[in-house]
Amino acid sequence: VQLQASGGGLVQAGGSLKLSCAAAGRAASSAHMGWFRQAPGKEREFVAAISWNGEATFYADSAEGRFTISRDNAHNTLYLQMSSLKPEDAAVYYCGALWGKPTARVLGIASKYSYWGPGTLVTVSS
């Protein structure tokens, strides 16, 4: 499976941005997917995850209520709609994929993901 994130850019605090992650490969539609982010000097941190069929979603506390994860399996695309952006949301955002029957806790662990795409940079100006 190959993943390619896009949609990053410069946005003012309080603004919105929608990230996309295009997945290629036969197993893409059966993968659970997650968004993580990594700011300079920090570890990659969980943002949101979604089950393979889109029926279950999970969010980090920092994203709850502001970000929405979704997917379109017909087009093998994952999305992250981000609203009310804050300067602390600035980071490189990555999408990842994993299979199996992960718990919510596992979905929040970057090392459990099998595939990652190149990240997309989100910059938030204050």
N, C-alpha and C. Protein backbone atom coordinates (compact mmCIF):
# COMPACT_ATOMS: atom_id res chain seq x y z
N VAL A 1 0.84 -1.19 0.00
CA VAL A 1 0.00 0.00 0.00
C VAL A 1 0.88 1.25 0.00
N GLN A 2 0.54 2.19 -0.84
CA GLN A 2 1.26 3.47 -0.90
C GLN A 2 0.32 4.57 -0.46
N LEU A 3 0.83 5.46 0.34
CA LEU A 3 0.03 6.55 0.88
C LEU A 3 0.65 7.89 0.49
N GLN A 4 -0.18 8.86 0.19
CA GLN A 4 0.31 10.18 -0.18
C GLN A 4 -0.60 11.23 0.43
N ALA A 5 -0.07 11.95 1.40
CA ALA A 5 -0.84 13.01 2.03
C ALA A 5 -0.67 14.32 1.28
N SER A 6 -1.71 15.13 1.31
CA SER A 6 -1.67 16.43 0.66
C SER A 6 -2.65 17.37 1.36
N GLY A 7 -2.59 18.63 0.96
CA GLY A 7 -3.54 19.60 1.50
C GLY A 7 -2.98 20.53 2.56
N GLY A 8 -1.74 20.33 2.95
CA GLY A 8 -1.15 21.20 3.94
C GLY A 8 -0.90 22.59 3.37
N GLY A 9 -0.60 23.52 4.25
CA GLY A 9 -0.33 24.88 3.81
C GLY A 9 -0.29 25.83 4.98
N LEU A 10 -0.29 27.10 4.66
CA LEU A 10 -0.26 28.15 5.67
C LEU A 10 -1.68 28.67 5.91
N VAL A 11 -2.07 28.72 7.18
CA VAL A 11 -3.40 29.18 7.53
C VAL A 11 -3.30 30.03 8.79
N GLN A 12 -4.17 30.99 8.92
CA GLN A 12 -4.19 31.82 10.13
C GLN A 12 -4.85 31.08 11.28
N ALA A 13 -4.47 31.43 12.47
CA ALA A 13 -5.11 30.84 13.64
C ALA A 13 -6.61 31.09 13.57
N GLY A 14 -7.37 30.07 13.88
CA GLY A 14 -8.82 30.14 13.79
C GLY A 14 -9.35 29.66 12.45
N GLY A 15 -8.48 29.46 11.50
CA GLY A 15 -8.88 29.03 10.17
C GLY A 15 -9.05 27.53 10.06
N SER A 16 -9.34 27.11 8.84
CA SER A 16 -9.60 25.70 8.57
C SER A 16 -8.72 25.20 7.44
N LEU A 17 -8.54 23.89 7.44
CA LEU A 17 -7.74 23.23 6.40
C LEU A 17 -8.22 21.80 6.30
N LYS A 18 -8.22 21.25 5.08
CA LYS A 18 -8.63 19.86 4.90
C LYS A 18 -7.49 19.09 4.28
N LEU A 19 -7.02 18.09 4.97
CA LEU A 19 -5.96 17.23 4.47
C LEU A 19 -6.57 16.00 3.80
N SER A 20 -5.86 15.51 2.80
CA SER A 20 -6.26 14.29 2.12
C SER A 20 -5.11 13.31 2.13
N CYS A 21 -5.45 12.04 2.06
CA CYS A 21 -4.45 10.98 1.97
C CYS A 21 -4.95 9.97 0.96
N ALA A 22 -4.27 9.92 -0.18
CA ALA A 22 -4.64 8.98 -1.23
C ALA A 22 -3.90 7.68 -0.98
N ALA A 23 -4.66 6.58 -1.01
CA ALA A 23 -4.08 5.27 -0.78
C ALA A 23 -4.16 4.45 -2.06
N ALA A 24 -3.09 3.77 -2.38
CA ALA A 24 -3.04 2.92 -3.55
C ALA A 24 -2.65 1.52 -3.13
N GLY A 25 -3.31 0.54 -3.70
CA GLY A 25 -3.03 -0.84 -3.35
C GLY A 25 -4.31 -1.59 -3.04
N ARG A 26 -4.27 -2.89 -3.28
CA ARG A 26 -5.47 -3.70 -3.15
C ARG A 26 -6.00 -3.75 -1.72
N ALA A 27 -5.11 -3.66 -0.76
CA ALA A 27 -5.53 -3.79 0.64
C ALA A 27 -5.91 -2.46 1.28
N ALA A 28 -5.87 -1.40 0.50
CA ALA A 28 -6.09 -0.07 1.08
C ALA A 28 -7.47 0.07 1.71
N SER A 29 -8.48 -0.43 1.06
CA SER A 29 -9.85 -0.22 1.55
C SER A 29 -10.14 -1.02 2.81
N SER A 30 -9.30 -2.00 3.13
CA SER A 30 -9.52 -2.81 4.33
C SER A 30 -8.64 -2.37 5.50
N ALA A 31 -7.90 -1.30 5.30
CA ALA A 31 -6.99 -0.82 6.35
C ALA A 31 -7.66 0.18 7.27
N HIS A 32 -7.35 0.07 8.52
CA HIS A 32 -7.69 1.14 9.46
C HIS A 32 -6.67 2.25 9.20
N MET A 33 -7.10 3.48 9.32
CA MET A 33 -6.24 4.59 8.95
C MET A 33 -6.13 5.59 10.08
N GLY A 34 -5.00 6.24 10.14
CA GLY A 34 -4.80 7.24 11.18
C GLY A 34 -4.04 8.45 10.68
N TRP A 35 -4.26 9.56 11.35
CA TRP A 35 -3.48 10.77 11.14
C TRP A 35 -2.63 11.01 12.39
N PHE A 36 -1.37 11.27 12.13
CA PHE A 36 -0.45 11.65 13.18
C PHE A 36 0.23 12.94 12.75
N ARG A 37 0.87 13.60 13.70
CA ARG A 37 1.61 14.81 13.37
C ARG A 37 2.91 14.86 14.16
N GLN A 38 3.85 15.58 13.58
CA GLN A 38 5.15 15.69 14.23
C GLN A 38 5.68 17.11 14.06
N ALA A 39 5.85 17.78 15.18
CA ALA A 39 6.42 19.11 15.19
C ALA A 39 7.93 19.00 15.38
N PRO A 40 8.68 20.01 14.97
CA PRO A 40 10.14 19.96 15.13
C PRO A 40 10.56 19.67 16.57
N GLY A 41 11.43 18.70 16.73
CA GLY A 41 11.94 18.36 18.05
C GLY A 41 11.01 17.54 18.91
N LYS A 42 9.88 17.15 18.35
CA LYS A 42 8.91 16.37 19.12
C LYS A 42 8.66 15.01 18.47
N GLU A 43 8.10 14.12 19.25
CA GLU A 43 7.76 12.81 18.72
C GLU A 43 6.47 12.88 17.91
N ARG A 44 6.32 11.91 17.05
CA ARG A 44 5.08 11.82 16.28
C ARG A 44 3.93 11.52 17.23
N GLU A 45 2.88 12.30 17.12
CA GLU A 45 1.75 12.13 18.04
C GLU A 45 0.45 11.85 17.30
N PHE A 46 -0.38 11.10 17.94
CA PHE A 46 -1.68 10.70 17.39
C PHE A 46 -2.60 11.90 17.28
N VAL A 47 -3.35 11.94 16.19
CA VAL A 47 -4.36 12.98 15.99
C VAL A 47 -5.75 12.37 15.91
N ALA A 48 -5.92 11.42 14.99
CA ALA A 48 -7.22 10.80 14.80
C ALA A 48 -7.06 9.50 14.04
N ALA A 49 -8.04 8.61 14.19
CA ALA A 49 -8.02 7.34 13.47
C ALA A 49 -9.44 6.95 13.10
N ILE A 50 -9.55 6.09 12.10
CA ILE A 50 -10.84 5.65 11.63
C ILE A 50 -10.76 4.19 11.25
N SER A 51 -11.82 3.46 11.54
CA SER A 51 -11.84 2.04 11.21
C SER A 51 -11.94 1.85 9.70
N TRP A 52 -11.70 0.64 9.25
CA TRP A 52 -11.64 0.37 7.81
C TRP A 52 -12.95 0.72 7.10
N ASN A 53 -14.07 0.55 7.81
CA ASN A 53 -15.37 0.81 7.18
C ASN A 53 -15.93 2.19 7.55
N GLY A 54 -15.16 2.97 8.27
CA GLY A 54 -15.59 4.31 8.62
C GLY A 54 -16.59 4.38 9.76
N GLU A 55 -16.91 3.26 10.36
CA GLU A 55 -17.96 3.25 11.38
C GLU A 55 -17.47 3.72 12.74
N ALA A 56 -16.19 3.64 12.97
CA ALA A 56 -15.64 4.05 14.26
C ALA A 56 -14.54 5.08 14.05
N THR A 57 -14.58 6.12 14.84
CA THR A 57 -13.54 7.16 14.78
C THR A 57 -13.00 7.42 16.18
N PHE A 58 -11.77 7.85 16.21
CA PHE A 58 -11.09 8.08 17.49
C PHE A 58 -10.27 9.35 17.36
N TYR A 59 -10.24 10.12 18.43
CA TYR A 59 -9.53 11.40 18.39
C TYR A 59 -8.67 11.60 19.62
N ALA A 60 -7.55 12.28 19.41
CA ALA A 60 -6.77 12.76 20.53
C ALA A 60 -7.55 13.89 21.20
N ASP A 61 -7.30 14.09 22.46
CA ASP A 61 -8.00 15.16 23.17
C ASP A 61 -7.80 16.51 22.49
N SER A 62 -6.62 16.70 21.94
CA SER A 62 -6.31 17.98 21.30
C SER A 62 -7.10 18.21 20.02
N ALA A 63 -7.60 17.13 19.43
CA ALA A 63 -8.32 17.22 18.17
C ALA A 63 -9.84 17.13 18.34
N GLU A 64 -10.26 16.57 19.43
CA GLU A 64 -11.69 16.35 19.67
C GLU A 64 -12.46 17.66 19.57
N GLY A 65 -13.52 17.65 18.76
CA GLY A 65 -14.36 18.83 18.63
C GLY A 65 -13.89 19.83 17.59
N ARG A 66 -12.65 19.71 17.13
CA ARG A 66 -12.12 20.64 16.13
C ARG A 66 -11.80 19.95 14.81
N PHE A 67 -11.38 18.70 14.89
CA PHE A 67 -10.99 17.95 13.70
C PHE A 67 -12.01 16.84 13.44
N THR A 68 -12.17 16.50 12.17
CA THR A 68 -13.04 15.40 11.78
C THR A 68 -12.31 14.51 10.78
N ILE A 69 -12.22 13.24 11.12
CA ILE A 69 -11.60 12.27 10.21
C ILE A 69 -12.70 11.55 9.46
N SER A 70 -12.46 11.30 8.20
CA SER A 70 -13.43 10.57 7.37
C SER A 70 -12.69 9.86 6.26
N ARG A 71 -13.40 9.00 5.55
CA ARG A 71 -12.77 8.27 4.46
C ARG A 71 -13.80 7.98 3.38
N ASP A 72 -13.29 7.84 2.17
CA ASP A 72 -14.10 7.49 1.01
C ASP A 72 -13.47 6.26 0.41
N ASN A 73 -13.98 5.10 0.76
CA ASN A 73 -13.36 3.86 0.30
C ASN A 73 -13.55 3.64 -1.21
N ALA A 74 -14.54 4.25 -1.77
CA ALA A 74 -14.74 4.12 -3.21
C ALA A 74 -13.59 4.77 -3.97
N HIS A 75 -12.96 5.75 -3.35
CA HIS A 75 -11.85 6.46 -3.97
C HIS A 75 -10.55 6.28 -3.20
N ASN A 76 -10.58 5.37 -2.20
CA ASN A 76 -9.37 5.08 -1.42
C ASN A 76 -8.72 6.36 -0.90
N THR A 77 -9.53 7.21 -0.30
CA THR A 77 -9.01 8.48 0.19
C THR A 77 -9.44 8.71 1.64
N LEU A 78 -8.49 9.16 2.41
CA LEU A 78 -8.70 9.51 3.81
C LEU A 78 -8.66 11.02 3.93
N TYR A 79 -9.47 11.57 4.82
CA TYR A 79 -9.51 13.01 5.01
C TYR A 79 -9.34 13.40 6.47
N LEU A 80 -8.88 14.62 6.66
CA LEU A 80 -8.87 15.22 7.99
C LEU A 80 -9.29 16.67 7.84
N GLN A 81 -10.49 16.98 8.26
CA GLN A 81 -10.98 18.34 8.25
C GLN A 81 -10.58 18.99 9.57
N MET A 82 -9.81 20.06 9.48
CA MET A 82 -9.31 20.74 10.68
C MET A 82 -9.91 22.14 10.73
N SER A 83 -10.49 22.46 11.88
CA SER A 83 -11.10 23.77 12.08
C SER A 83 -10.55 24.38 13.36
N SER A 84 -10.78 25.67 13.50
CA SER A 84 -10.32 26.39 14.70
C SER A 84 -8.86 26.10 14.99
N LEU A 85 -8.05 26.19 13.94
CA LEU A 85 -6.64 25.83 14.08
C LEU A 85 -5.91 26.77 15.00
N LYS A 86 -4.98 26.20 15.74
CA LYS A 86 -4.17 26.94 16.70
C LYS A 86 -2.70 26.86 16.27
N PRO A 87 -1.87 27.78 16.71
CA PRO A 87 -0.44 27.70 16.38
C PRO A 87 0.18 26.36 16.81
N GLU A 88 -0.32 25.78 17.89
CA GLU A 88 0.25 24.51 18.34
C GLU A 88 -0.15 23.32 17.47
N ASP A 89 -1.04 23.54 16.51
CA ASP A 89 -1.39 22.48 15.55
C ASP A 89 -0.38 22.40 14.41
N ALA A 90 0.51 23.36 14.33
CA ALA A 90 1.50 23.37 13.26
C ALA A 90 2.44 22.18 13.38
N ALA A 91 2.57 21.44 12.29
CA ALA A 91 3.38 20.22 12.29
C ALA A 91 3.36 19.63 10.89
N VAL A 92 4.15 18.61 10.70
CA VAL A 92 4.02 17.77 9.51
C VAL A 92 3.01 16.69 9.84
N TYR A 93 1.99 16.57 9.02
CA TYR A 93 0.94 15.60 9.24
C TYR A 93 1.16 14.38 8.35
N TYR A 94 1.03 13.21 8.96
CA TYR A 94 1.25 11.94 8.26
C TYR A 94 -0.01 11.08 8.35
N CYS A 95 -0.23 10.32 7.29
CA CYS A 95 -1.29 9.32 7.35
C CYS A 95 -0.64 7.94 7.38
N GLY A 96 -1.28 7.05 8.13
CA GLY A 96 -0.76 5.71 8.27
C GLY A 96 -1.86 4.67 8.14
N ALA A 97 -1.45 3.44 7.89
CA ALA A 97 -2.41 2.34 7.70
C ALA A 97 -1.98 1.12 8.50
N LEU A 98 -2.98 0.45 9.04
CA LEU A 98 -2.73 -0.83 9.72
C LEU A 98 -3.94 -1.73 9.54
N TRP A 99 -3.73 -3.02 9.73
CA TRP A 99 -4.79 -4.02 9.54
C TRP A 99 -4.98 -4.81 10.82
N GLY A 100 -5.97 -5.66 10.80
CA GLY A 100 -6.24 -6.49 11.96
C GLY A 100 -7.40 -5.96 12.77
N LYS A 101 -7.36 -6.24 14.07
CA LYS A 101 -8.43 -5.82 14.97
C LYS A 101 -7.83 -5.01 16.13
N PRO A 102 -7.32 -3.82 15.79
CA PRO A 102 -6.67 -3.03 16.84
C PRO A 102 -7.67 -2.41 17.81
N THR A 103 -7.26 -2.28 19.02
CA THR A 103 -8.06 -1.56 19.99
C THR A 103 -7.87 -0.06 19.76
N ALA A 104 -8.68 0.72 20.43
CA ALA A 104 -8.55 2.17 20.30
C ALA A 104 -7.16 2.61 20.76
N ARG A 105 -6.65 1.95 21.80
CA ARG A 105 -5.32 2.32 22.30
C ARG A 105 -4.26 2.05 21.24
N VAL A 106 -4.35 0.93 20.59
CA VAL A 106 -3.38 0.56 19.56
C VAL A 106 -3.43 1.54 18.39
N LEU A 107 -4.61 1.98 18.04
CA LEU A 107 -4.74 2.94 16.93
C LEU A 107 -4.03 4.25 17.23
N GLY A 108 -3.78 4.51 18.47
CA GLY A 108 -3.09 5.73 18.85
C GLY A 108 -1.58 5.60 18.96
N ILE A 109 -1.04 4.46 18.58
CA ILE A 109 0.40 4.20 18.70
C ILE A 109 1.03 4.17 17.31
N ALA A 110 1.92 5.08 17.04
CA ALA A 110 2.50 5.20 15.70
C ALA A 110 3.25 3.94 15.27
N SER A 111 3.92 3.30 16.18
CA SER A 111 4.74 2.14 15.82
C SER A 111 3.91 0.94 15.40
N LYS A 112 2.61 0.97 15.65
CA LYS A 112 1.74 -0.13 15.26
C LYS A 112 1.32 -0.04 13.79
N TYR A 113 1.54 1.09 13.17
CA TYR A 113 1.12 1.26 11.78
C TYR A 113 2.14 0.64 10.84
N SER A 114 1.64 0.00 9.80
CA SER A 114 2.50 -0.74 8.88
C SER A 114 3.04 0.14 7.76
N TYR A 115 2.26 1.09 7.34
CA TYR A 115 2.65 1.94 6.22
C TYR A 115 2.43 3.40 6.56
N TRP A 116 3.33 4.21 6.05
CA TRP A 116 3.23 5.66 6.18
C TRP A 116 3.47 6.31 4.84
N GLY A 117 2.84 7.43 4.64
CA GLY A 117 3.15 8.23 3.47
C GLY A 117 4.00 9.42 3.85
N PRO A 118 4.56 10.10 2.85
CA PRO A 118 5.26 11.35 3.12
C PRO A 118 4.30 12.34 3.74
N GLY A 119 4.74 13.14 4.64
CA GLY A 119 3.86 14.05 5.33
C GLY A 119 3.55 15.31 4.53
N THR A 120 2.61 16.06 5.05
CA THR A 120 2.26 17.35 4.48
C THR A 120 2.34 18.39 5.58
N LEU A 121 2.97 19.52 5.28
CA LEU A 121 3.26 20.52 6.30
C LEU A 121 2.08 21.46 6.51
N VAL A 122 1.71 21.62 7.77
CA VAL A 122 0.68 22.58 8.16
C VAL A 122 1.34 23.65 9.01
N THR A 123 1.19 24.88 8.59
CA THR A 123 1.73 26.02 9.32
C THR A 123 0.57 26.91 9.75
N VAL A 124 0.55 27.29 11.00
CA VAL A 124 -0.53 28.12 11.53
C VAL A 124 0.08 29.40 12.07
N SER A 125 -0.33 30.51 11.49
CA SER A 125 0.20 31.81 11.94
C SER A 125 -0.71 32.40 13.01
N SER A 126 -0.10 33.04 13.98
CA SER A 126 -0.89 33.63 15.08
C SER A 126 -1.25 35.06 14.79
